[in-house]
Protein backbone atom coordinates (compact mmCIF):
# COMPACT_ATOMS: atom_id res chain seq x y z
CA UNK A 1 96.10 96.85 91.24
CA UNK A 2 94.16 98.04 94.56
CA UNK A 3 94.04 96.42 98.53
CA UNK A 4 96.88 93.98 96.65
CA UNK A 5 94.71 92.72 94.80
CA UNK A 6 94.98 93.03 90.94
CA UNK A 7 92.49 92.31 87.80
CA UNK A 8 91.93 93.19 84.69
CA UNK A 9 89.68 96.14 83.82
CA UNK A 10 86.08 94.44 82.58
CA UNK A 11 83.74 97.44 83.92
CA UNK A 12 83.72 100.49 86.33
CA UNK A 13 81.36 98.27 88.47
CA UNK A 14 83.33 95.27 88.95
CA UNK A 15 83.04 93.97 92.28
CA UNK A 16 84.31 90.49 92.21
CA UNK A 17 87.55 91.90 94.26
CA UNK A 18 85.25 93.58 96.47
CA UNK A 19 82.88 96.80 97.29
CA UNK A 20 86.33 98.51 98.30
CA UNK A 21 88.00 97.80 95.20
CA UNK A 22 85.17 98.52 93.20
CA UNK A 23 85.22 102.15 94.78
CA UNK A 24 88.91 102.76 94.32
CA UNK A 25 88.43 101.94 90.50
CA UNK A 26 86.01 104.66 90.34
CA UNK A 27 87.96 107.13 92.95
CA UNK A 28 90.86 107.49 89.93
CA UNK A 29 93.50 108.53 92.66
CA UNK A 30 95.69 106.62 89.79
CA UNK A 31 95.59 109.69 87.66
CA UNK A 32 97.85 111.43 89.96
CA UNK A 33 100.38 108.49 90.53
CA UNK A 34 104.25 109.89 88.84
CA UNK A 35 104.04 107.14 86.23
CA UNK A 36 100.97 108.37 85.08
CA UNK A 37 101.83 110.15 81.85
CA UNK A 38 98.82 111.98 79.89
CA UNK A 39 97.79 109.68 77.02
CA UNK A 40 96.75 107.05 79.22
CA UNK A 41 94.85 109.12 81.64
CA UNK A 42 93.20 110.93 79.26
CA UNK A 43 91.65 107.46 77.58
CA UNK A 44 90.82 106.51 81.19
CA UNK A 45 88.99 110.17 81.76
CA UNK A 46 87.03 109.73 78.28
CA UNK A 47 86.30 105.84 78.69
CA UNK A 48 84.84 107.24 82.42
CA UNK A 49 82.86 109.59 80.71
CA UNK A 50 81.20 107.68 77.96
CA UNK A 51 80.20 104.81 80.33
CA UNK A 52 79.21 107.11 83.54
CA UNK A 53 75.04 107.10 83.10
CA UNK A 54 75.35 103.13 83.39
CA UNK A 55 78.08 103.35 86.50
CA UNK A 56 75.92 103.56 89.40
CA UNK A 57 79.21 103.03 91.73
CA UNK A 58 80.32 106.24 89.63
CA UNK A 59 77.70 107.86 90.81
CA UNK A 60 77.68 107.70 94.47
CA UNK A 61 78.85 110.85 96.41
CA UNK A 62 81.84 109.98 97.90
CA UNK A 63 83.38 108.30 94.61
CA UNK A 64 82.71 111.19 93.07
CA UNK A 65 83.83 113.34 95.55
CA UNK A 66 87.15 111.64 95.43
CA UNK A 67 87.50 111.85 91.41
CA UNK A 68 87.04 115.03 91.42
CA UNK A 69 90.01 116.71 93.00
CA UNK A 70 91.81 113.83 91.17
CA UNK A 71 90.24 114.99 87.90
CA UNK A 72 91.22 118.63 88.60
CA UNK A 73 94.88 118.25 89.37
CA UNK A 74 95.37 115.95 86.39
CA UNK A 75 93.40 118.73 83.86
CA UNK A 76 95.90 121.56 85.75
CA UNK A 77 99.06 119.20 85.37
CA UNK A 78 98.56 118.76 81.57
CA UNK A 79 96.54 121.78 80.86
CA UNK A 80 99.11 122.68 77.91
CA UNK A 81 98.72 119.12 76.25
CA UNK A 82 94.16 119.56 76.52
CA UNK A 83 92.83 120.55 72.90
CA UNK A 84 90.46 122.80 73.82
CA UNK A 85 87.46 120.81 72.35
CA UNK A 86 88.47 117.80 74.79
CA UNK A 87 89.01 120.24 77.88
CA UNK A 88 85.34 121.38 77.17
CA UNK A 89 84.04 117.59 77.46
CA UNK A 90 85.98 117.19 80.37
CA UNK A 91 85.13 120.28 81.89
CA UNK A 92 81.14 119.77 81.29
CA UNK A 93 81.45 116.14 82.58
CA UNK A 94 83.21 117.36 85.80
CA UNK A 95 80.90 120.44 86.70
CA UNK A 96 77.87 117.64 85.90
CA UNK A 97 79.09 115.68 88.74
CA UNK A 98 79.46 118.24 90.95
CA UNK A 99 75.84 119.32 89.88
CA UNK A 100 74.88 115.85 90.99
CA UNK A 101 77.39 115.83 94.13
CA UNK A 102 75.69 118.88 95.19
CA UNK A 103 72.27 118.12 95.63
CA UNK A 104 73.34 114.65 97.22
CA UNK A 105 75.51 115.66 100.31
CA UNK A 106 76.26 113.05 102.51
CA UNK A 107 74.34 113.93 105.95
CA UNK A 108 72.99 110.41 105.84
CA UNK A 109 76.51 109.63 106.89
CA UNK A 110 78.55 112.35 108.08
CA UNK A 111 81.50 111.76 109.32
CA UNK A 112 84.48 111.60 107.11
CA UNK A 113 82.17 111.30 103.81
CA UNK A 114 80.37 114.45 104.48
CA UNK A 115 84.13 116.40 104.88
CA UNK A 116 85.19 114.69 102.09
CA UNK A 117 81.98 116.21 99.70
CA UNK A 118 82.95 119.15 101.49
CA UNK A 119 86.38 119.56 100.67
CA UNK A 120 85.79 118.52 96.66
CA UNK A 121 82.65 120.60 95.80
CA UNK A 122 85.34 123.74 97.70
CA UNK A 123 87.80 122.59 94.91
CA UNK A 124 85.31 122.47 92.67
CA UNK A 125 84.02 125.82 93.52
CA UNK A 126 87.67 127.87 92.79
CA UNK A 127 88.18 125.41 89.48
CA UNK A 128 84.57 126.93 88.41
CA UNK A 129 84.80 129.83 90.01
CA UNK A 130 81.08 129.28 91.02
CA UNK A 131 79.91 131.10 93.59
CA UNK A 132 76.96 128.44 94.28
CA UNK A 133 79.29 125.76 94.56
CA UNK A 134 81.26 128.34 96.62
CA UNK A 135 78.68 129.23 99.08
CA UNK A 136 77.44 125.61 99.97
CA UNK A 137 80.94 124.20 100.39
CA UNK A 138 82.52 126.88 102.66
CA UNK A 139 79.11 127.04 105.16
CA UNK A 140 79.45 123.21 104.87
CA UNK A 141 83.70 123.45 105.51
CA UNK A 142 83.10 125.35 108.65
CA UNK A 143 80.92 123.45 110.08
CA UNK A 144 82.05 120.11 109.98
CA UNK A 145 86.04 121.57 110.39
CA UNK A 146 84.97 122.80 113.66
CA UNK A 147 82.89 119.34 114.24
CA UNK A 148 85.59 116.83 113.32
CA UNK A 149 88.52 118.15 114.54
CA UNK A 150 88.91 117.91 118.23
CA UNK A 151 91.01 120.03 120.46
CA UNK A 152 93.88 118.25 120.28
CA UNK A 153 93.59 118.12 116.54
CA UNK A 154 92.80 114.34 116.17
CA UNK A 155 89.85 113.52 113.65
CA UNK A 156 87.03 112.30 115.80
CA UNK A 157 86.73 108.93 114.01
CA UNK A 158 89.80 108.19 115.89
CA UNK A 159 92.00 106.46 112.85
CA UNK A 160 94.91 107.39 112.26
CA UNK A 161 94.75 106.33 108.86
CA UNK A 162 91.78 108.56 108.28
CA UNK A 163 93.30 111.20 109.89
CA UNK A 164 96.11 111.50 107.01
CA UNK A 165 93.59 110.70 104.53
CA UNK A 166 91.74 113.99 105.06
CA UNK A 167 95.20 116.01 106.56
CA UNK A 168 96.13 115.78 103.18
CA UNK A 169 92.80 116.47 101.42
CA UNK A 170 92.87 119.32 103.13
CA UNK A 171 96.19 120.96 102.19
CA UNK A 172 95.08 120.35 98.90
CA UNK A 173 91.94 122.15 99.45
CA UNK A 174 94.30 124.89 101.28
CA UNK A 175 96.53 124.83 98.67
CA UNK A 176 93.62 125.89 96.05
CA UNK A 177 92.19 128.08 98.04
CA UNK A 178 95.50 130.09 98.88
CA UNK A 179 96.21 130.07 95.18
CA UNK A 180 93.07 131.22 93.51
CA UNK A 181 92.62 134.91 96.39
CA UNK A 182 91.04 136.74 92.65
CA UNK A 183 87.77 134.37 93.14
CA UNK A 184 87.76 133.36 96.54
CA UNK A 185 87.01 136.74 98.44
CA UNK A 186 86.52 135.53 101.67
CA UNK A 187 90.18 135.13 103.41
CA UNK A 188 88.65 134.20 106.54
CA UNK A 189 88.17 130.46 104.81
CA UNK A 190 91.62 130.41 103.61
CA UNK A 191 92.52 131.12 107.35
CA UNK A 192 90.47 128.49 108.73
CA UNK A 193 91.81 126.15 105.71
CA UNK A 194 95.09 126.75 107.14
CA UNK A 195 94.48 126.86 111.14
CA UNK A 196 92.93 123.19 110.98
CA UNK A 197 95.42 121.95 108.88
CA UNK A 198 98.22 122.91 111.77
CA UNK A 199 95.85 121.49 114.42
CA UNK A 200 95.99 118.01 112.57
CA UNK A 201 99.63 118.40 111.52
CA UNK A 202 100.27 118.77 115.61
CA UNK A 203 98.43 115.96 116.57
CA UNK A 204 100.15 113.52 113.95
CA UNK A 205 103.80 114.72 114.76
CA UNK A 206 102.15 113.33 118.13
CA UNK A 207 100.93 109.81 117.45
CA UNK A 208 102.98 108.85 115.21
CA UNK A 209 105.85 106.61 115.99
CA UNK A 210 110.03 107.21 115.69
CA UNK A 211 110.04 105.77 112.68
CA UNK A 212 107.78 107.86 110.80
CA UNK A 213 104.83 105.11 110.65
CA UNK A 214 101.33 105.52 112.53
CA UNK A 215 99.62 103.47 114.66
CA UNK A 216 97.24 100.73 113.56
CA UNK A 217 94.45 101.39 116.09
CA UNK A 218 90.71 101.39 114.78
CA UNK A 219 90.04 100.73 111.12
CA UNK A 220 94.05 101.99 109.96
CA UNK A 221 96.21 100.12 107.42
CA UNK A 222 99.54 100.91 105.73
CA UNK A 223 99.87 101.92 101.79
CA UNK A 224 96.46 103.30 101.78
CA UNK A 225 97.09 106.84 103.32
CA UNK A 226 100.33 109.35 102.16
CA UNK A 227 102.63 108.73 104.93
CA UNK A 228 103.34 111.41 107.67
CA UNK A 229 106.67 111.91 106.22
CA UNK A 230 104.93 112.89 102.87
CA UNK A 231 102.28 115.04 104.80
CA UNK A 232 104.62 117.04 106.46
CA UNK A 233 106.40 117.61 103.66
CA UNK A 234 104.13 118.74 101.56
CA UNK A 235 102.72 121.75 104.40
CA UNK A 236 106.47 122.55 104.55
CA UNK A 237 106.36 123.40 100.97
CA UNK A 238 102.65 125.43 101.35
CA UNK A 239 104.45 127.14 104.14
CA UNK A 240 102.53 126.06 107.28
CA UNK A 241 104.17 125.90 110.21
CA UNK A 242 102.73 124.19 113.36
CA UNK A 243 103.22 122.79 116.68
CA UNK A 244 103.12 119.17 118.56
CA UNK A 245 99.83 119.58 120.50
CA UNK A 246 99.75 116.74 123.36
CA UNK A 247 97.27 113.77 123.22
CA UNK A 248 94.23 114.36 124.84
CA UNK A 249 90.53 114.57 123.93
CA UNK A 250 90.85 111.75 121.05
CA UNK A 251 91.40 109.54 123.75
CA UNK A 252 94.70 108.20 122.99
CA UNK A 253 97.94 108.45 125.08
CA UNK A 254 101.37 108.21 124.58
CA UNK A 255 104.29 106.80 126.70
CA UNK A 256 107.78 106.95 125.79
CA UNK A 257 111.20 106.85 127.39
CA UNK A 258 114.58 105.84 125.46
CA UNK A 259 113.33 101.85 125.17
CA UNK A 260 109.77 102.03 125.17
CA UNK A 261 107.16 103.59 122.70
CA UNK A 262 103.44 102.91 123.73
CA UNK A 263 99.88 104.32 122.12
CA UNK A 264 97.27 103.26 124.29
CA UNK A 265 93.61 103.82 124.29
CA UNK A 266 91.44 105.02 126.89
CA UNK A 267 88.85 106.76 124.92
CA UNK A 268 85.18 106.40 124.30
CA UNK A 269 83.40 104.99 120.79
CA UNK A 270 83.57 108.83 118.79
CA UNK A 271 82.28 109.76 117.54
CA UNK A 272 78.98 108.67 119.12
CA UNK A 273 77.21 109.07 115.63
CA UNK A 274 78.87 107.65 113.84
CA UNK A 275 81.52 104.82 115.39
CA UNK A 276 81.53 102.89 111.44
CA UNK A 277 85.28 102.69 111.78
CA UNK A 278 85.77 101.84 115.62
CA UNK A 279 86.49 98.57 117.42
CA UNK A 280 85.59 96.83 120.74
CA UNK A 281 89.22 98.38 121.40
CA UNK A 282 88.80 99.34 125.27
CA UNK A 283 92.37 99.91 126.64
CA UNK A 284 93.99 98.38 123.99
CA UNK A 285 97.83 99.37 123.38
CA UNK A 286 100.67 98.87 121.01
CA UNK A 287 104.14 98.77 122.29
CA UNK A 288 107.51 99.20 120.85
CA UNK A 289 110.79 97.90 122.22
CA UNK A 290 114.02 100.20 120.97
CA UNK A 291 111.80 100.79 117.98
CA UNK A 292 110.96 97.19 116.98
CA UNK A 293 106.97 96.60 117.08
CA UNK A 294 106.20 94.02 119.74
CA UNK A 295 102.75 93.98 121.02
CA UNK A 296 100.21 95.21 118.14
CA UNK A 297 97.04 96.27 116.89
CA UNK A 298 95.90 92.81 115.21
CA UNK A 299 94.81 95.55 112.12
CA UNK A 300 92.70 95.52 109.28
CA UNK A 301 92.49 93.46 106.38
CA UNK A 302 89.06 93.88 104.72
CA UNK A 303 85.80 96.14 104.72
CA UNK A 304 83.49 92.95 103.53
CA UNK A 305 80.84 92.35 106.27
CA UNK A 306 82.19 88.50 107.05
CA UNK A 307 83.66 86.66 109.55
CA UNK A 308 87.17 88.66 109.47
CA UNK A 309 86.00 92.18 109.86
CA UNK A 310 84.00 90.86 112.71
CA UNK A 311 87.30 89.46 114.23
CA UNK A 312 89.10 92.43 113.82
CA UNK A 313 86.69 95.07 115.07
CA UNK A 314 85.75 92.09 118.25
CA UNK A 315 87.80 92.54 121.48
CA UNK A 316 89.50 89.51 121.24
CA UNK A 317 91.52 90.54 118.16
CA UNK A 318 93.00 93.72 120.80
CA UNK A 319 95.33 94.15 123.35
CA UNK A 320 92.38 94.19 126.28
CA UNK A 321 90.59 91.83 128.74
CA UNK A 322 87.28 90.39 127.33
CA UNK A 323 84.92 88.97 129.84
CA UNK A 324 82.41 86.33 129.30
CA UNK A 325 83.68 86.49 126.02
CA UNK A 326 81.99 89.40 125.11
CA UNK A 327 82.96 93.08 123.50
CA UNK A 328 83.72 95.63 125.36
CA UNK A 329 81.53 97.64 122.32
CA UNK A 330 78.90 95.37 120.61
CA UNK A 331 80.20 96.06 117.35
CA UNK A 332 78.52 94.39 114.11
CA UNK A 333 77.08 94.96 110.62
CA UNK A 334 80.62 95.77 109.58
CA UNK A 335 80.16 99.44 110.58
CA UNK A 336 77.74 99.40 113.35
CA UNK A 337 77.95 99.42 117.08
CA UNK A 338 75.08 99.38 119.08
CA UNK A 339 76.12 99.15 123.25
CA UNK A 340 79.53 101.02 124.06
CA UNK A 341 81.84 101.17 126.91
CA UNK A 342 81.65 104.15 128.95
CA UNK A 343 85.38 105.36 130.06
CA UNK A 344 86.08 107.02 133.20
CA UNK A 345 89.54 108.48 133.81
CA UNK A 346 91.54 108.44 137.08
CA UNK A 347 95.18 109.56 136.71
CA UNK A 348 96.93 110.72 133.90
CA UNK A 349 99.89 111.65 133.39
CA UNK A 350 102.99 111.57 131.04
CA UNK A 351 104.02 107.97 133.06
CA UNK A 352 101.29 106.76 134.64
CA UNK A 353 97.66 105.92 133.22
CA UNK A 354 94.43 104.93 135.41
CA UNK A 355 90.92 104.53 134.04
CA UNK A 356 88.06 102.20 134.28
CA UNK A 357 84.72 100.94 131.50
CA UNK A 358 81.46 99.40 132.07
CA UNK A 359 81.47 97.78 128.62
CA UNK A 360 80.53 94.58 130.40
CA UNK A 361 77.80 95.71 132.38
CA UNK A 362 77.54 98.13 135.11
CA UNK A 363 78.79 95.54 137.22
CA UNK A 364 81.79 94.37 135.35
CA UNK A 365 84.25 97.33 135.56
CA UNK A 366 87.42 96.95 134.48
CA UNK A 367 90.16 98.90 135.96
CA UNK A 368 93.24 99.36 133.85
CA UNK A 369 96.37 100.63 134.96
CA UNK A 370 99.52 101.95 132.48
CA UNK A 371 102.71 102.70 134.30
CA UNK A 372 106.21 103.62 132.55
CA UNK A 373 109.63 103.08 134.33
CA UNK A 374 112.87 103.42 133.15
CA UNK A 375 113.21 100.12 131.81
CA UNK A 376 109.91 98.26 132.40
CA UNK A 377 106.16 98.89 131.04
CA UNK A 378 103.72 97.59 133.30
CA UNK A 379 99.92 96.68 132.95
CA UNK A 380 97.49 96.01 136.07
CA UNK A 381 94.02 94.42 135.12
CA UNK A 382 91.64 95.05 138.44
CA UNK A 383 87.84 92.94 138.09
CA UNK A 384 85.28 92.14 140.01
CA UNK A 385 85.66 88.75 141.71
CA UNK A 386 82.59 86.92 139.93
CA UNK A 387 84.27 87.68 136.60
CA UNK A 388 85.85 85.20 134.27
CA UNK A 389 87.44 86.79 131.06
CA UNK A 390 90.63 86.38 128.92
CA UNK A 391 93.09 89.12 128.17
CA UNK A 392 94.71 89.06 124.92
CA UNK A 393 98.17 90.02 123.51
CA UNK A 394 98.73 90.21 120.06
CA UNK A 395 102.85 90.18 119.31
CA UNK A 396 104.26 91.40 116.37
CA UNK A 397 104.92 88.62 113.16
CA UNK A 398 108.78 87.96 113.78
CA UNK A 399 108.37 88.04 117.68
CA UNK A 400 109.51 84.65 118.84
CA UNK A 401 108.11 82.81 122.06
CA UNK A 402 111.96 81.09 123.48
CA UNK A 403 110.04 79.88 126.83
CA UNK A 404 107.13 80.71 128.74
CA UNK A 405 105.59 79.81 132.83
CA UNK A 406 102.92 81.10 134.81
CA UNK A 407 105.42 83.80 135.90
CA UNK A 408 107.30 84.37 132.58
CA UNK A 409 106.88 84.72 128.91
CA UNK A 410 110.24 85.42 127.13
CA UNK A 411 110.67 86.37 123.64
CA UNK A 412 113.29 87.33 121.33
CA UNK A 413 112.87 91.46 122.52
CA UNK A 414 111.98 91.22 125.84
CA UNK A 415 110.67 89.28 129.16
CA UNK A 416 107.02 89.38 130.25
CA UNK A 417 106.56 88.89 133.73
CA UNK A 418 103.60 87.88 135.37
CA UNK A 419 101.78 88.50 138.83
CA UNK A 420 98.73 86.65 139.62
CA UNK A 421 96.97 82.71 139.40
CA UNK A 422 96.81 82.51 135.30
CA UNK A 423 95.94 80.12 133.08
CA UNK A 424 98.11 81.07 130.29
CA UNK A 425 97.94 79.55 126.37
CA UNK A 426 100.04 80.54 123.49
CA UNK A 427 97.86 80.38 119.79
CA UNK A 428 98.33 80.93 116.42
CA UNK A 429 97.25 84.21 114.87
CA UNK A 430 96.80 86.36 112.01
CA UNK A 431 97.38 89.86 112.00
CA UNK A 432 97.04 92.37 109.40
CA UNK A 433 99.11 95.53 108.28
CA UNK A 434 98.12 95.90 104.30
CA UNK A 435 94.23 95.50 103.35
CA UNK A 436 94.61 91.49 101.87
CA UNK A 437 97.58 90.76 103.26
CA UNK A 438 97.30 88.46 106.78
CA UNK A 439 100.70 87.81 108.72
CA UNK A 440 100.75 85.22 111.33
CA UNK A 441 101.81 85.88 114.86
CA UNK A 442 101.73 84.37 118.54
CA UNK A 443 98.65 85.27 120.77
CA UNK A 444 99.17 85.34 124.68
CA UNK A 445 95.94 83.97 125.90
CA UNK A 446 95.21 84.51 129.81
CA UNK A 447 92.45 83.34 131.30
CA UNK A 448 91.35 85.10 134.29
CA UNK A 449 90.60 82.93 136.99
CA UNK A 450 86.97 83.85 138.79
CA UNK A 451 89.09 84.54 142.24
CA UNK A 452 91.67 86.55 141.14
CA UNK A 453 90.96 90.35 141.75
CA UNK A 454 94.46 91.71 140.86
CA UNK A 455 96.92 90.86 138.48
CA UNK A 456 99.96 92.29 136.35
CA UNK A 457 101.95 92.26 133.72
CA UNK A 458 105.45 93.94 133.40
CA UNK A 459 107.51 93.78 130.35
CA UNK A 460 111.28 94.16 130.78
CA UNK A 461 114.20 94.48 128.72
């Protein structure tokens, strides 16, 4: 089973459950699951080697990179069980796959794909003691880690899920590097891996919720990446020590007190040349009350280029404002972004945040203020008088609306106080916390009137 979808094995190129499902089949992450015994894993490796010449998906660079590290982990775990002839056959295939990867590094995609290529080629270089792989991967790692890890420790694609995936792989890379000093003569690369890992750990500790889960911002879902707790424990086993890094360059901010916990997005689309995992979510936020999810991102349920994927990236799927039924950034094609909103931050403190963006055209500046007091979380939106639009709130599954009017929305967790002339509708919607699983939830639509300039939402206990 991958992505909550199960099917019997037909071929390595089975796309009946979607392309991402087929990719997961070829990553072979499942070789490292706790209940995988040697005989079963070895049988799948043998089958993969036999089928590889006709497996176009398995030969793509990204699956090759992820699979390479998984094979090396499996071989290292069961080294004593491997007959020498079988070990040689596996190594011959694996080395050929790494040669193929080294000639097809994903410069055309960049982003996390190219970084995963670099991680894997570096691990392959240490495993095979190959100086050519080592020179190429070391050079690429230095460049991409410095490019892709921001000053606050975030991965620049602004997805907490991908941050965890890449941090876990970085820890693997550091682990291999620190334990292969005899071949790995450049101590500086090991130090770089440790330093970047500590930066990413510091960011993760800042962005994570109190219960140890991640905000589901941009392309993020649960049960794909290792959990923050697993990552922190792995880092501690490797002897790494880090400090919490305040949120900054990532565009995210955290509001926190005894009752409220909110993560706010005031960043621009990033990386600007690879925005495939970004959404049209400028000024979006998630809010928890007393540890319970209250207002949530709708999440992602699919990578298929379909209507649901388009909606999940749209402004309407986020807790922000749409003007004229437009998206704040032009998302299209499943992983593409055209026109982008530009954000200007006015005030930025731990309790008060103000910014505006021009995502709906120069004449349509949306200003939003977030303010946290002891018992209230307040949002104030200001739009030009000629604008009409909708402000959306997506409640978490399980949040029920007890009663509502133009001034209040009473729920089982908190009361939302409304200041301004609104038409309000509460509709049924769907949110996703995992791939291919949709949960019913309430959506509040605040229709903004032409003559309404200033409006605020205030959430109190």
